[in-house]
Amino acid sequence: MTGQDSIEQALAGGEPQRVGWFRFYFADERWEWSEQVQILHGYQPGTVTPTTDLVLSHKHPDDYQQVAATLVEMRRNHRTFSTRHRIIDTHGEVREVVVIGDQLNDDTGHLIGTHGFYVDVTPTPAMTKAIVSAALTEITENRSVIDQVKGMLMLIYRVDADTAFELLRWRSQETNVKLRLLAEQLLADYAGLVYEDVLPPRATFDHLLLTAHQRIGDDGDTVGP
C-alpha cells in the first residue's frame, strides 16, 4: 500500500473528516492538497490547483504575516514547522486550523519538499470550555495507552477528544502501523523529553508525532527518539 493509498483509506467513509494531507515540492514550488484540504478551503475536489499565492490568499488578515513568515522559513531552511491560524474559505466562513509539516524525501532519501497535514480545530463554545479538563482526565485516569496519548494531543494542539483520536488514527493508517503500537511509541517519546518548568517548543512534539513510526522496531518494540 502506498502512502497516498493509506491516507485515502484513513480519510474515506464515515462522518466528514477534519484531517487532510498536503505536499509541497521545493524544485517547482508545486503544492498538492488532499480532497479534505480542498473541501476545507471551500473547493469541490478536483476543481483547484493550489499555489503559494492561493494558499496565502485564504489566510485570515490578522494571521497572514505569521503564516507568510512560516512559509518563507520553510522554503529557505527546509525545516519542520507547525502553525495554528485561521483561514477563510470560498464561502467566507472562518475556520481555525493546525498545520504541521515535516521533510519529504524521495525513494533515495533525497530531500525534495515538505509534507504534512491540516487539522480543522474550529472551536465551539462547549469544546473550548471542555478541552483542557477532558485532556487531563484522559491522561491522569487509569486509561489505555491510546487514551493517554489522545489526552496529550488534546493538550498540545488544543483540540477535542474526537479530533485527537482522528489525528492519531490518521497517522496509524498513513504509516501502516497499528494504532496501539504507535500510541505506545508516542507515549515513550513524550515521557523521554527532558525539560524543567517550560514545555519544549511545539515543533518538538510535531516532529515526534510525524516520525514515531520510524522508531518502532520490527518486533513492535518501542525505541528511543
N, C-alpha and C. Protein backbone atom coordinates (compact mmCIF):
# COMPACT_ATOMS: atom_id res chain seq x y z
N MET A 1 0.85 -1.20 0.00
CA MET A 1 0.00 0.00 0.00
C MET A 1 0.88 1.24 0.00
N THR A 2 0.63 2.19 -0.93
CA THR A 2 1.42 3.41 -0.98
C THR A 2 0.97 4.37 0.09
N GLY A 3 1.82 5.41 0.33
CA GLY A 3 1.46 6.40 1.33
C GLY A 3 0.15 7.09 1.00
N GLN A 4 -0.03 7.42 -0.31
CA GLN A 4 -1.26 8.11 -0.68
C GLN A 4 -2.47 7.20 -0.52
N ASP A 5 -2.31 5.89 -0.89
CA ASP A 5 -3.41 4.95 -0.73
C ASP A 5 -3.83 4.84 0.73
N SER A 6 -2.84 4.77 1.62
CA SER A 6 -3.17 4.62 3.03
C SER A 6 -3.81 5.87 3.59
N ILE A 7 -3.39 7.05 3.10
CA ILE A 7 -4.01 8.30 3.52
C ILE A 7 -5.48 8.32 3.09
N GLU A 8 -5.72 7.92 1.83
CA GLU A 8 -7.09 7.93 1.34
C GLU A 8 -7.95 6.94 2.12
N GLN A 9 -7.37 5.79 2.48
CA GLN A 9 -8.10 4.82 3.28
C GLN A 9 -8.46 5.41 4.63
N ALA A 10 -7.51 6.11 5.23
CA ALA A 10 -7.75 6.68 6.56
C ALA A 10 -8.84 7.73 6.52
N LEU A 11 -8.93 8.46 5.41
CA LEU A 11 -9.85 9.58 5.35
C LEU A 11 -11.16 9.24 4.66
N ALA A 12 -11.32 7.99 4.24
CA ALA A 12 -12.51 7.61 3.48
C ALA A 12 -13.64 7.18 4.41
N GLY A 13 -14.86 7.43 3.97
CA GLY A 13 -16.03 6.88 4.63
C GLY A 13 -16.36 7.54 5.94
N GLY A 14 -17.55 7.17 6.47
CA GLY A 14 -17.96 7.65 7.78
C GLY A 14 -18.31 9.13 7.77
N GLU A 15 -18.20 9.75 8.93
CA GLU A 15 -18.52 11.16 9.07
C GLU A 15 -17.44 11.99 8.40
N PRO A 16 -17.77 13.25 8.05
CA PRO A 16 -16.77 14.13 7.45
C PRO A 16 -15.52 14.21 8.31
N GLN A 17 -14.37 14.08 7.67
CA GLN A 17 -13.11 14.06 8.40
C GLN A 17 -12.57 15.49 8.54
N ARG A 18 -11.79 15.70 9.58
CA ARG A 18 -11.22 17.02 9.82
C ARG A 18 -9.72 17.04 9.62
N VAL A 19 -9.18 15.96 9.06
CA VAL A 19 -7.75 15.87 8.82
C VAL A 19 -7.52 15.60 7.34
N GLY A 20 -6.59 16.32 6.73
CA GLY A 20 -6.23 16.10 5.34
C GLY A 20 -4.77 16.41 5.12
N TRP A 21 -4.21 15.83 4.06
CA TRP A 21 -2.77 15.97 3.84
C TRP A 21 -2.46 17.02 2.78
N PHE A 22 -1.20 17.49 2.81
CA PHE A 22 -0.68 18.36 1.76
C PHE A 22 0.76 17.98 1.45
N ARG A 23 1.21 18.35 0.28
CA ARG A 23 2.63 18.21 -0.09
C ARG A 23 3.07 19.48 -0.79
N PHE A 24 4.35 19.84 -0.58
CA PHE A 24 4.95 20.98 -1.27
C PHE A 24 6.33 20.56 -1.77
N TYR A 25 6.58 20.77 -3.07
CA TYR A 25 7.84 20.34 -3.69
C TYR A 25 8.72 21.56 -3.93
N PHE A 26 9.95 21.51 -3.42
CA PHE A 26 10.84 22.66 -3.49
C PHE A 26 11.23 23.03 -4.92
N ALA A 27 11.48 22.05 -5.78
CA ALA A 27 12.05 22.31 -7.10
C ALA A 27 11.19 23.25 -7.93
N ASP A 28 9.88 22.98 -7.98
CA ASP A 28 9.00 23.81 -8.79
C ASP A 28 7.92 24.52 -7.97
N GLU A 29 8.09 24.50 -6.63
CA GLU A 29 7.14 25.14 -5.72
C GLU A 29 5.70 24.68 -6.01
N ARG A 30 5.56 23.39 -6.21
CA ARG A 30 4.26 22.80 -6.52
C ARG A 30 3.59 22.27 -5.25
N TRP A 31 2.30 22.57 -5.12
CA TRP A 31 1.50 22.10 -3.99
C TRP A 31 0.57 20.98 -4.42
N GLU A 32 0.27 20.09 -3.48
CA GLU A 32 -0.79 19.12 -3.65
C GLU A 32 -1.65 19.14 -2.39
N TRP A 33 -2.96 19.11 -2.57
CA TRP A 33 -3.91 19.06 -1.47
C TRP A 33 -4.76 17.81 -1.58
N SER A 34 -5.01 17.16 -0.47
CA SER A 34 -5.97 16.07 -0.47
C SER A 34 -7.38 16.64 -0.67
N GLU A 35 -8.33 15.74 -0.94
CA GLU A 35 -9.71 16.19 -1.11
C GLU A 35 -10.21 16.93 0.12
N GLN A 36 -9.81 16.44 1.30
CA GLN A 36 -10.29 17.05 2.54
C GLN A 36 -9.79 18.49 2.67
N VAL A 37 -8.54 18.75 2.28
CA VAL A 37 -7.99 20.10 2.38
C VAL A 37 -8.66 21.01 1.34
N GLN A 38 -8.94 20.48 0.16
CA GLN A 38 -9.66 21.26 -0.83
C GLN A 38 -11.04 21.66 -0.29
N ILE A 39 -11.75 20.69 0.28
CA ILE A 39 -13.08 20.97 0.84
C ILE A 39 -12.98 21.97 1.99
N LEU A 40 -11.96 21.83 2.84
CA LEU A 40 -11.76 22.75 3.96
C LEU A 40 -11.66 24.19 3.48
N HIS A 41 -11.05 24.39 2.31
CA HIS A 41 -10.90 25.73 1.75
C HIS A 41 -12.11 26.16 0.92
N GLY A 42 -13.10 25.26 0.80
CA GLY A 42 -14.34 25.63 0.12
C GLY A 42 -14.43 25.20 -1.32
N TYR A 43 -13.51 24.36 -1.78
CA TYR A 43 -13.49 23.92 -3.18
C TYR A 43 -14.06 22.51 -3.32
N GLN A 44 -14.70 22.27 -4.44
CA GLN A 44 -15.06 20.91 -4.79
C GLN A 44 -13.78 20.18 -5.20
N PRO A 45 -13.58 18.95 -4.72
CA PRO A 45 -12.36 18.21 -5.08
C PRO A 45 -12.14 18.15 -6.58
N GLY A 46 -10.90 18.42 -6.97
CA GLY A 46 -10.54 18.36 -8.38
C GLY A 46 -10.74 19.65 -9.15
N THR A 47 -11.24 20.70 -8.48
CA THR A 47 -11.53 21.95 -9.19
C THR A 47 -10.50 23.03 -8.92
N VAL A 48 -9.46 22.73 -8.14
CA VAL A 48 -8.49 23.76 -7.79
C VAL A 48 -7.08 23.19 -7.88
N THR A 49 -6.15 24.03 -8.36
CA THR A 49 -4.73 23.70 -8.37
C THR A 49 -4.04 24.65 -7.39
N PRO A 50 -3.69 24.17 -6.20
CA PRO A 50 -3.13 25.08 -5.19
C PRO A 50 -1.77 25.62 -5.58
N THR A 51 -1.55 26.87 -5.28
CA THR A 51 -0.25 27.53 -5.44
C THR A 51 0.04 28.26 -4.14
N THR A 52 1.27 28.76 -4.02
CA THR A 52 1.62 29.51 -2.82
C THR A 52 0.73 30.74 -2.68
N ASP A 53 0.48 31.42 -3.78
CA ASP A 53 -0.39 32.61 -3.72
C ASP A 53 -1.80 32.23 -3.28
N LEU A 54 -2.31 31.11 -3.78
CA LEU A 54 -3.65 30.69 -3.38
C LEU A 54 -3.68 30.31 -1.91
N VAL A 55 -2.66 29.57 -1.46
CA VAL A 55 -2.58 29.19 -0.05
C VAL A 55 -2.65 30.44 0.82
N LEU A 56 -1.84 31.45 0.49
CA LEU A 56 -1.80 32.66 1.30
C LEU A 56 -3.08 33.48 1.17
N SER A 57 -3.75 33.40 0.02
CA SER A 57 -4.96 34.20 -0.18
C SER A 57 -6.08 33.79 0.76
N HIS A 58 -6.02 32.58 1.30
CA HIS A 58 -7.07 32.10 2.19
C HIS A 58 -6.77 32.40 3.66
N LYS A 59 -5.62 32.95 3.96
CA LYS A 59 -5.28 33.20 5.36
C LYS A 59 -6.04 34.41 5.88
N HIS A 60 -6.47 34.32 7.12
CA HIS A 60 -7.15 35.44 7.77
C HIS A 60 -6.18 36.63 7.80
N PRO A 61 -6.67 37.85 7.54
CA PRO A 61 -5.76 39.01 7.51
C PRO A 61 -4.91 39.16 8.76
N ASP A 62 -5.47 38.85 9.92
CA ASP A 62 -4.72 39.01 11.16
C ASP A 62 -3.63 37.94 11.33
N ASP A 63 -3.72 36.85 10.57
CA ASP A 63 -2.75 35.76 10.67
C ASP A 63 -1.84 35.67 9.46
N TYR A 64 -2.07 36.55 8.47
CA TYR A 64 -1.36 36.44 7.19
C TYR A 64 0.16 36.53 7.36
N GLN A 65 0.63 37.54 8.10
CA GLN A 65 2.07 37.74 8.23
C GLN A 65 2.75 36.55 8.92
N GLN A 66 2.09 36.02 9.93
CA GLN A 66 2.65 34.87 10.65
C GLN A 66 2.82 33.69 9.71
N VAL A 67 1.79 33.39 8.92
CA VAL A 67 1.86 32.23 8.03
C VAL A 67 2.84 32.49 6.89
N ALA A 68 2.84 33.70 6.35
CA ALA A 68 3.77 34.01 5.27
C ALA A 68 5.21 33.85 5.74
N ALA A 69 5.50 34.29 6.96
CA ALA A 69 6.85 34.15 7.51
C ALA A 69 7.20 32.67 7.70
N THR A 70 6.22 31.86 8.14
CA THR A 70 6.45 30.43 8.32
C THR A 70 6.78 29.77 6.99
N LEU A 71 6.06 30.15 5.92
CA LEU A 71 6.33 29.58 4.60
C LEU A 71 7.70 29.98 4.07
N VAL A 72 8.08 31.23 4.30
CA VAL A 72 9.42 31.67 3.87
C VAL A 72 10.49 30.87 4.60
N GLU A 73 10.32 30.68 5.90
CA GLU A 73 11.28 29.91 6.69
C GLU A 73 11.33 28.47 6.22
N MET A 74 10.19 27.89 5.93
CA MET A 74 10.13 26.50 5.45
C MET A 74 10.84 26.35 4.12
N ARG A 75 10.62 27.28 3.20
CA ARG A 75 11.24 27.18 1.88
C ARG A 75 12.74 27.49 1.94
N ARG A 76 13.15 28.33 2.89
CA ARG A 76 14.55 28.71 2.98
C ARG A 76 15.39 27.66 3.70
N ASN A 77 14.89 27.14 4.83
CA ASN A 77 15.68 26.25 5.66
C ASN A 77 15.22 24.80 5.64
N HIS A 78 14.10 24.54 4.97
CA HIS A 78 13.62 23.16 4.81
C HIS A 78 13.43 22.46 6.14
N ARG A 79 12.95 23.16 7.14
CA ARG A 79 12.76 22.59 8.47
C ARG A 79 11.31 22.17 8.68
N THR A 80 11.11 21.36 9.71
CA THR A 80 9.74 21.05 10.12
C THR A 80 9.09 22.33 10.64
N PHE A 81 7.79 22.36 10.61
CA PHE A 81 7.10 23.55 11.10
C PHE A 81 5.70 23.17 11.57
N SER A 82 5.13 24.04 12.35
CA SER A 82 3.71 23.92 12.70
C SER A 82 3.17 25.31 12.97
N THR A 83 1.90 25.47 12.71
CA THR A 83 1.27 26.76 12.95
C THR A 83 -0.21 26.54 13.21
N ARG A 84 -0.76 27.38 14.04
CA ARG A 84 -2.21 27.39 14.28
C ARG A 84 -2.71 28.75 13.84
N HIS A 85 -3.64 28.76 12.91
CA HIS A 85 -4.10 30.04 12.38
C HIS A 85 -5.50 29.86 11.79
N ARG A 86 -6.04 30.96 11.28
CA ARG A 86 -7.37 30.94 10.69
C ARG A 86 -7.28 31.06 9.17
N ILE A 87 -8.19 30.36 8.49
CA ILE A 87 -8.34 30.52 7.06
C ILE A 87 -9.77 30.97 6.77
N ILE A 88 -9.95 31.56 5.61
CA ILE A 88 -11.28 31.95 5.15
C ILE A 88 -11.57 31.18 3.88
N ASP A 89 -12.65 30.38 3.90
CA ASP A 89 -12.93 29.56 2.73
C ASP A 89 -13.64 30.37 1.66
N THR A 90 -13.95 29.71 0.54
CA THR A 90 -14.54 30.42 -0.59
C THR A 90 -15.93 30.95 -0.30
N HIS A 91 -16.55 30.47 0.80
CA HIS A 91 -17.89 30.94 1.18
C HIS A 91 -17.83 32.04 2.23
N GLY A 92 -16.60 32.45 2.59
CA GLY A 92 -16.45 33.50 3.59
C GLY A 92 -16.47 33.00 5.02
N GLU A 93 -16.53 31.68 5.22
CA GLU A 93 -16.53 31.11 6.56
C GLU A 93 -15.09 31.07 7.11
N VAL A 94 -14.93 31.41 8.38
CA VAL A 94 -13.62 31.37 9.03
C VAL A 94 -13.45 30.02 9.71
N ARG A 95 -12.34 29.35 9.41
CA ARG A 95 -12.01 28.07 10.03
C ARG A 95 -10.67 28.21 10.74
N GLU A 96 -10.56 27.58 11.89
CA GLU A 96 -9.28 27.56 12.62
C GLU A 96 -8.60 26.22 12.35
N VAL A 97 -7.32 26.27 11.97
CA VAL A 97 -6.62 25.06 11.58
C VAL A 97 -5.27 24.97 12.27
N VAL A 98 -4.83 23.74 12.48
CA VAL A 98 -3.45 23.44 12.83
C VAL A 98 -2.81 22.81 11.61
N VAL A 99 -1.67 23.33 11.20
CA VAL A 99 -0.95 22.79 10.06
C VAL A 99 0.43 22.35 10.54
N ILE A 100 0.78 21.10 10.26
CA ILE A 100 2.04 20.52 10.70
C ILE A 100 2.75 19.95 9.49
N GLY A 101 4.02 20.30 9.31
CA GLY A 101 4.78 19.82 8.16
C GLY A 101 6.12 19.25 8.57
N ASP A 102 6.55 18.24 7.82
CA ASP A 102 7.85 17.62 8.05
C ASP A 102 8.54 17.46 6.71
N GLN A 103 9.81 17.09 6.73
CA GLN A 103 10.58 16.94 5.50
C GLN A 103 10.05 15.78 4.66
N LEU A 104 10.00 15.99 3.35
CA LEU A 104 9.56 14.97 2.39
C LEU A 104 10.77 14.52 1.58
N ASN A 105 11.07 13.23 1.66
CA ASN A 105 12.20 12.66 0.92
C ASN A 105 11.70 11.74 -0.17
N ASP A 106 12.51 11.62 -1.25
CA ASP A 106 12.15 10.66 -2.29
C ASP A 106 12.65 9.27 -1.91
N ASP A 107 12.51 8.30 -2.82
CA ASP A 107 12.85 6.91 -2.50
C ASP A 107 14.34 6.72 -2.21
N THR A 108 15.18 7.66 -2.63
CA THR A 108 16.62 7.55 -2.38
C THR A 108 17.05 8.30 -1.13
N GLY A 109 16.09 8.92 -0.44
CA GLY A 109 16.40 9.68 0.77
C GLY A 109 16.74 11.13 0.51
N HIS A 110 16.63 11.58 -0.74
CA HIS A 110 16.94 12.97 -1.09
C HIS A 110 15.77 13.87 -0.70
N LEU A 111 16.08 14.98 -0.05
CA LEU A 111 15.05 15.92 0.39
C LEU A 111 14.46 16.63 -0.82
N ILE A 112 13.14 16.50 -1.00
CA ILE A 112 12.51 17.10 -2.17
C ILE A 112 11.38 18.07 -1.81
N GLY A 113 10.99 18.10 -0.54
CA GLY A 113 9.89 19.00 -0.21
C GLY A 113 9.44 18.85 1.23
N THR A 114 8.21 19.26 1.45
CA THR A 114 7.58 19.20 2.76
C THR A 114 6.23 18.52 2.61
N HIS A 115 5.87 17.71 3.57
CA HIS A 115 4.53 17.13 3.58
C HIS A 115 4.01 17.13 5.01
N GLY A 116 2.71 17.05 5.13
CA GLY A 116 2.12 17.08 6.46
C GLY A 116 0.62 17.11 6.36
N PHE A 117 -0.03 17.75 7.31
CA PHE A 117 -1.48 17.70 7.34
C PHE A 117 -2.09 18.95 7.94
N TYR A 118 -3.33 19.17 7.57
CA TYR A 118 -4.20 20.18 8.16
C TYR A 118 -5.14 19.48 9.12
N VAL A 119 -5.40 20.09 10.27
CA VAL A 119 -6.44 19.63 11.19
C VAL A 119 -7.39 20.80 11.42
N ASP A 120 -8.66 20.58 11.11
CA ASP A 120 -9.68 21.60 11.36
C ASP A 120 -10.02 21.57 12.85
N VAL A 121 -9.66 22.63 13.57
CA VAL A 121 -9.89 22.68 15.01
C VAL A 121 -10.80 23.85 15.37
N THR A 122 -11.65 24.24 14.43
CA THR A 122 -12.56 25.34 14.68
C THR A 122 -13.36 25.06 15.95
N PRO A 123 -13.22 25.90 16.97
CA PRO A 123 -13.84 25.58 18.27
C PRO A 123 -15.31 25.96 18.33
N THR A 124 -16.02 25.23 19.16
CA THR A 124 -17.36 25.65 19.57
C THR A 124 -17.23 26.09 21.02
N PRO A 125 -18.15 26.89 21.53
CA PRO A 125 -18.04 27.31 22.93
C PRO A 125 -17.92 26.15 23.90
N ALA A 126 -18.71 25.10 23.68
CA ALA A 126 -18.65 23.94 24.59
C ALA A 126 -17.30 23.25 24.49
N MET A 127 -16.77 23.16 23.27
CA MET A 127 -15.48 22.50 23.09
C MET A 127 -14.38 23.28 23.80
N THR A 128 -14.41 24.60 23.67
CA THR A 128 -13.35 25.41 24.26
C THR A 128 -13.31 25.24 25.78
N LYS A 129 -14.48 25.16 26.41
CA LYS A 129 -14.52 25.01 27.86
C LYS A 129 -14.06 23.63 28.31
N ALA A 130 -14.30 22.63 27.49
CA ALA A 130 -14.11 21.25 27.93
C ALA A 130 -12.75 20.66 27.62
N ILE A 131 -12.00 21.23 26.68
CA ILE A 131 -10.80 20.56 26.16
C ILE A 131 -9.78 20.27 27.26
N VAL A 132 -9.41 21.28 28.04
CA VAL A 132 -8.32 21.08 29.00
C VAL A 132 -8.71 20.07 30.08
N SER A 133 -9.90 20.21 30.65
CA SER A 133 -10.29 19.27 31.70
C SER A 133 -10.44 17.86 31.16
N ALA A 134 -10.97 17.73 29.95
CA ALA A 134 -11.10 16.40 29.36
C ALA A 134 -9.74 15.80 29.06
N ALA A 135 -8.82 16.62 28.59
CA ALA A 135 -7.48 16.12 28.28
C ALA A 135 -6.78 15.61 29.54
N LEU A 136 -6.89 16.36 30.62
CA LEU A 136 -6.26 15.93 31.87
C LEU A 136 -6.88 14.63 32.37
N THR A 137 -8.18 14.48 32.19
CA THR A 137 -8.83 13.23 32.58
C THR A 137 -8.28 12.06 31.79
N GLU A 138 -8.13 12.26 30.48
CA GLU A 138 -7.61 11.19 29.62
C GLU A 138 -6.20 10.78 30.05
N ILE A 139 -5.40 11.75 30.49
CA ILE A 139 -4.01 11.46 30.82
C ILE A 139 -3.87 10.84 32.21
N THR A 140 -4.61 11.38 33.19
CA THR A 140 -4.34 11.02 34.58
C THR A 140 -5.12 9.81 35.08
N GLU A 141 -6.27 9.54 34.52
CA GLU A 141 -7.01 8.38 34.98
C GLU A 141 -6.39 7.09 34.44
N ASN A 142 -6.78 5.98 35.03
CA ASN A 142 -6.22 4.69 34.65
C ASN A 142 -6.83 4.24 33.32
N ARG A 143 -6.33 4.80 32.24
CA ARG A 143 -6.88 4.54 30.92
C ARG A 143 -5.83 3.86 30.04
N SER A 144 -6.28 3.43 28.87
CA SER A 144 -5.37 2.76 27.94
C SER A 144 -4.33 3.73 27.42
N VAL A 145 -3.27 3.16 26.85
CA VAL A 145 -2.19 3.99 26.31
C VAL A 145 -2.73 4.88 25.19
N ILE A 146 -3.71 4.40 24.43
CA ILE A 146 -4.28 5.22 23.36
C ILE A 146 -4.98 6.43 23.95
N ASP A 147 -5.74 6.24 25.02
CA ASP A 147 -6.43 7.37 25.64
C ASP A 147 -5.44 8.36 26.26
N GLN A 148 -4.35 7.85 26.82
CA GLN A 148 -3.35 8.75 27.40
C GLN A 148 -2.72 9.63 26.32
N VAL A 149 -2.34 9.02 25.21
CA VAL A 149 -1.74 9.79 24.12
C VAL A 149 -2.77 10.75 23.53
N LYS A 150 -4.02 10.30 23.43
CA LYS A 150 -5.08 11.17 22.94
C LYS A 150 -5.17 12.42 23.82
N GLY A 151 -5.09 12.24 25.13
CA GLY A 151 -5.13 13.38 26.05
C GLY A 151 -3.96 14.32 25.84
N MET A 152 -2.77 13.76 25.59
CA MET A 152 -1.60 14.59 25.34
C MET A 152 -1.78 15.41 24.06
N LEU A 153 -2.31 14.78 23.02
CA LEU A 153 -2.55 15.51 21.77
C LEU A 153 -3.58 16.61 21.98
N MET A 154 -4.58 16.36 22.82
CA MET A 154 -5.58 17.38 23.12
C MET A 154 -4.93 18.60 23.75
N LEU A 155 -3.99 18.37 24.68
CA LEU A 155 -3.32 19.49 25.34
C LEU A 155 -2.35 20.20 24.41
N ILE A 156 -1.58 19.42 23.65
CA ILE A 156 -0.55 20.02 22.79
C ILE A 156 -1.18 20.90 21.71
N TYR A 157 -2.24 20.36 21.07
CA TYR A 157 -2.83 21.05 19.92
C TYR A 157 -4.15 21.74 20.22
N ARG A 158 -4.62 21.64 21.49
CA ARG A 158 -5.86 22.27 21.93
C ARG A 158 -7.02 21.86 21.01
N VAL A 159 -7.18 20.57 20.86
CA VAL A 159 -8.27 20.03 20.08
C VAL A 159 -9.14 19.16 20.98
N ASP A 160 -10.34 18.81 20.52
CA ASP A 160 -11.20 17.97 21.34
C ASP A 160 -10.81 16.50 21.20
N ALA A 161 -11.48 15.64 21.98
CA ALA A 161 -11.11 14.24 22.04
C ALA A 161 -11.28 13.55 20.70
N ASP A 162 -12.37 13.85 20.00
CA ASP A 162 -12.61 13.19 18.72
C ASP A 162 -11.54 13.56 17.70
N THR A 163 -11.16 14.84 17.66
CA THR A 163 -10.14 15.26 16.71
C THR A 163 -8.79 14.66 17.06
N ALA A 164 -8.45 14.59 18.36
CA ALA A 164 -7.19 13.99 18.77
C ALA A 164 -7.12 12.53 18.35
N PHE A 165 -8.21 11.80 18.55
CA PHE A 165 -8.23 10.39 18.15
C PHE A 165 -8.15 10.26 16.64
N GLU A 166 -8.85 11.14 15.93
CA GLU A 166 -8.81 11.12 14.47
C GLU A 166 -7.39 11.36 13.96
N LEU A 167 -6.69 12.29 14.60
CA LEU A 167 -5.31 12.57 14.22
C LEU A 167 -4.42 11.35 14.45
N LEU A 168 -4.58 10.71 15.60
CA LEU A 168 -3.78 9.53 15.90
C LEU A 168 -4.12 8.39 14.94
N ARG A 169 -5.40 8.20 14.67
CA ARG A 169 -5.80 7.15 13.75
C ARG A 169 -5.29 7.41 12.34
N TRP A 170 -5.30 8.68 11.94
CA TRP A 170 -4.81 9.06 10.62
C TRP A 170 -3.33 8.74 10.46
N ARG A 171 -2.54 9.02 11.51
CA ARG A 171 -1.11 8.69 11.45
C ARG A 171 -0.92 7.18 11.39
N SER A 172 -1.74 6.43 12.12
CA SER A 172 -1.67 4.98 12.10
C SER A 172 -1.93 4.44 10.70
N GLN A 173 -2.97 4.94 10.07
CA GLN A 173 -3.32 4.47 8.74
C GLN A 173 -2.27 4.89 7.71
N GLU A 174 -1.80 6.12 7.81
CA GLU A 174 -0.84 6.62 6.81
C GLU A 174 0.46 5.82 6.86
N THR A 175 0.89 5.47 8.05
CA THR A 175 2.18 4.78 8.20
C THR A 175 2.03 3.27 8.24
N ASN A 176 0.79 2.78 8.19
CA ASN A 176 0.53 1.35 8.22
C ASN A 176 1.08 0.71 9.48
N VAL A 177 0.91 1.40 10.61
CA VAL A 177 1.35 0.90 11.92
C VAL A 177 0.12 0.79 12.81
N LYS A 178 0.02 -0.30 13.56
CA LYS A 178 -1.13 -0.48 14.43
C LYS A 178 -1.25 0.68 15.41
N LEU A 179 -2.50 1.06 15.66
CA LEU A 179 -2.78 2.22 16.49
C LEU A 179 -2.13 2.08 17.87
N ARG A 180 -2.25 0.90 18.47
CA ARG A 180 -1.70 0.72 19.82
C ARG A 180 -0.18 0.87 19.82
N LEU A 181 0.49 0.30 18.81
CA LEU A 181 1.95 0.40 18.74
C LEU A 181 2.39 1.85 18.56
N LEU A 182 1.66 2.57 17.71
CA LEU A 182 2.00 3.98 17.50
C LEU A 182 1.81 4.77 18.79
N ALA A 183 0.72 4.50 19.50
CA ALA A 183 0.45 5.19 20.76
C ALA A 183 1.51 4.88 21.80
N GLU A 184 1.94 3.61 21.87
CA GLU A 184 2.98 3.24 22.83
C GLU A 184 4.28 3.97 22.53
N GLN A 185 4.62 4.10 21.25
CA GLN A 185 5.85 4.81 20.89
C GLN A 185 5.75 6.28 21.24
N LEU A 186 4.62 6.89 20.94
CA LEU A 186 4.45 8.31 21.26
C LEU A 186 4.49 8.54 22.77
N LEU A 187 3.88 7.64 23.53
CA LEU A 187 3.92 7.78 24.97
C LEU A 187 5.35 7.70 25.48
N ALA A 188 6.14 6.77 24.93
CA ALA A 188 7.55 6.65 25.31
C ALA A 188 8.33 7.90 24.89
N ASP A 189 8.03 8.41 23.70
CA ASP A 189 8.72 9.61 23.21
C ASP A 189 8.44 10.80 24.11
N TYR A 190 7.16 11.02 24.42
CA TYR A 190 6.79 12.17 25.24
C TYR A 190 7.37 12.04 26.65
N ALA A 191 7.35 10.82 27.19
CA ALA A 191 7.88 10.61 28.54
C ALA A 191 9.39 10.82 28.57
N GLY A 192 10.05 10.62 27.44
CA GLY A 192 11.50 10.75 27.39
C GLY A 192 12.00 12.16 27.19
N LEU A 193 11.11 13.12 26.98
CA LEU A 193 11.54 14.50 26.81
C LEU A 193 12.10 15.05 28.12
N VAL A 194 13.18 15.78 28.01
CA VAL A 194 13.83 16.36 29.18
C VAL A 194 13.57 17.86 29.20
N TYR A 195 12.91 18.35 30.25
CA TYR A 195 12.65 19.77 30.38
C TYR A 195 12.37 20.06 31.85
N GLU A 196 12.38 21.35 32.19
CA GLU A 196 12.15 21.74 33.58
C GLU A 196 10.76 22.36 33.71
N ASP A 197 10.68 23.67 33.85
CA ASP A 197 9.38 24.30 34.09
C ASP A 197 8.60 24.56 32.81
N VAL A 198 9.32 24.74 31.72
CA VAL A 198 8.68 25.11 30.45
C VAL A 198 8.70 23.92 29.50
N LEU A 199 7.55 23.65 28.89
CA LEU A 199 7.48 22.56 27.93
C LEU A 199 8.37 22.85 26.72
N PRO A 200 8.88 21.83 26.06
CA PRO A 200 9.64 22.06 24.82
C PRO A 200 8.75 22.76 23.79
N PRO A 201 9.37 23.38 22.79
CA PRO A 201 8.56 24.02 21.74
C PRO A 201 7.67 23.00 21.05
N ARG A 202 6.54 23.47 20.50
CA ARG A 202 5.61 22.54 19.90
C ARG A 202 6.22 21.81 18.72
N ALA A 203 7.22 22.42 18.06
CA ALA A 203 7.88 21.74 16.94
C ALA A 203 8.49 20.42 17.38
N THR A 204 8.90 20.32 18.64
CA THR A 204 9.45 19.07 19.16
C THR A 204 8.37 17.99 19.15
N PHE A 205 7.17 18.33 19.59
CA PHE A 205 6.07 17.38 19.58
C PHE A 205 5.64 17.05 18.15
N ASP A 206 5.66 18.06 17.27
CA ASP A 206 5.30 17.82 15.87
C ASP A 206 6.21 16.77 15.25
N HIS A 207 7.50 16.93 15.49
CA HIS A 207 8.47 16.01 14.89
C HIS A 207 8.28 14.60 15.44
N LEU A 208 8.06 14.48 16.73
CA LEU A 208 7.84 13.16 17.32
C LEU A 208 6.59 12.51 16.74
N LEU A 209 5.53 13.28 16.58
CA LEU A 209 4.30 12.74 16.03
C LEU A 209 4.49 12.25 14.60
N LEU A 210 5.22 13.01 13.80
CA LEU A 210 5.39 12.68 12.39
C LEU A 210 6.40 11.58 12.15
N THR A 211 7.23 11.28 13.13
CA THR A 211 8.30 10.29 12.92
C THR A 211 8.20 9.10 13.86
N ALA A 212 7.17 9.02 14.68
CA ALA A 212 7.08 7.94 15.67
C ALA A 212 7.15 6.56 15.03
N HIS A 213 6.54 6.40 13.86
CA HIS A 213 6.51 5.09 13.21
C HIS A 213 7.91 4.59 12.86
N GLN A 214 8.85 5.53 12.68
CA GLN A 214 10.21 5.14 12.32
C GLN A 214 10.99 4.56 13.50
N ARG A 215 10.48 4.75 14.71
CA ARG A 215 11.19 4.28 15.89
C ARG A 215 10.59 3.01 16.48
N ILE A 216 9.64 2.42 15.78
CA ILE A 216 9.06 1.16 16.23
C ILE A 216 9.83 0.02 15.60
N GLY A 217 10.35 -0.86 16.41
CA GLY A 217 11.17 -1.96 15.91
C GLY A 217 10.34 -2.96 15.12
N ASP A 218 11.02 -3.84 14.38
CA ASP A 218 10.33 -4.84 13.58
C ASP A 218 9.49 -5.77 14.43
N ASP A 219 9.88 -5.93 15.68
CA ASP A 219 9.12 -6.83 16.58
C ASP A 219 8.04 -6.08 17.35
N GLY A 220 7.87 -4.78 17.01
CA GLY A 220 6.84 -3.99 17.68
C GLY A 220 7.33 -3.29 18.92
N ASP A 221 8.60 -3.48 19.32
CA ASP A 221 9.12 -2.80 20.50
C ASP A 221 9.33 -1.34 20.20
N THR A 222 9.10 -0.49 21.22
CA THR A 222 9.37 0.92 21.05
C THR A 222 10.85 1.17 21.31
N VAL A 223 11.36 2.17 20.62
CA VAL A 223 12.77 2.53 20.78
C VAL A 223 12.87 4.02 21.03
N GLY A 224 14.04 4.48 21.43
CA GLY A 224 14.22 5.87 21.80
C GLY A 224 14.14 6.79 20.62
N PRO A 225 13.91 8.10 20.86
CA PRO A 225 13.83 9.07 19.78
C PRO A 225 15.18 9.32 19.16
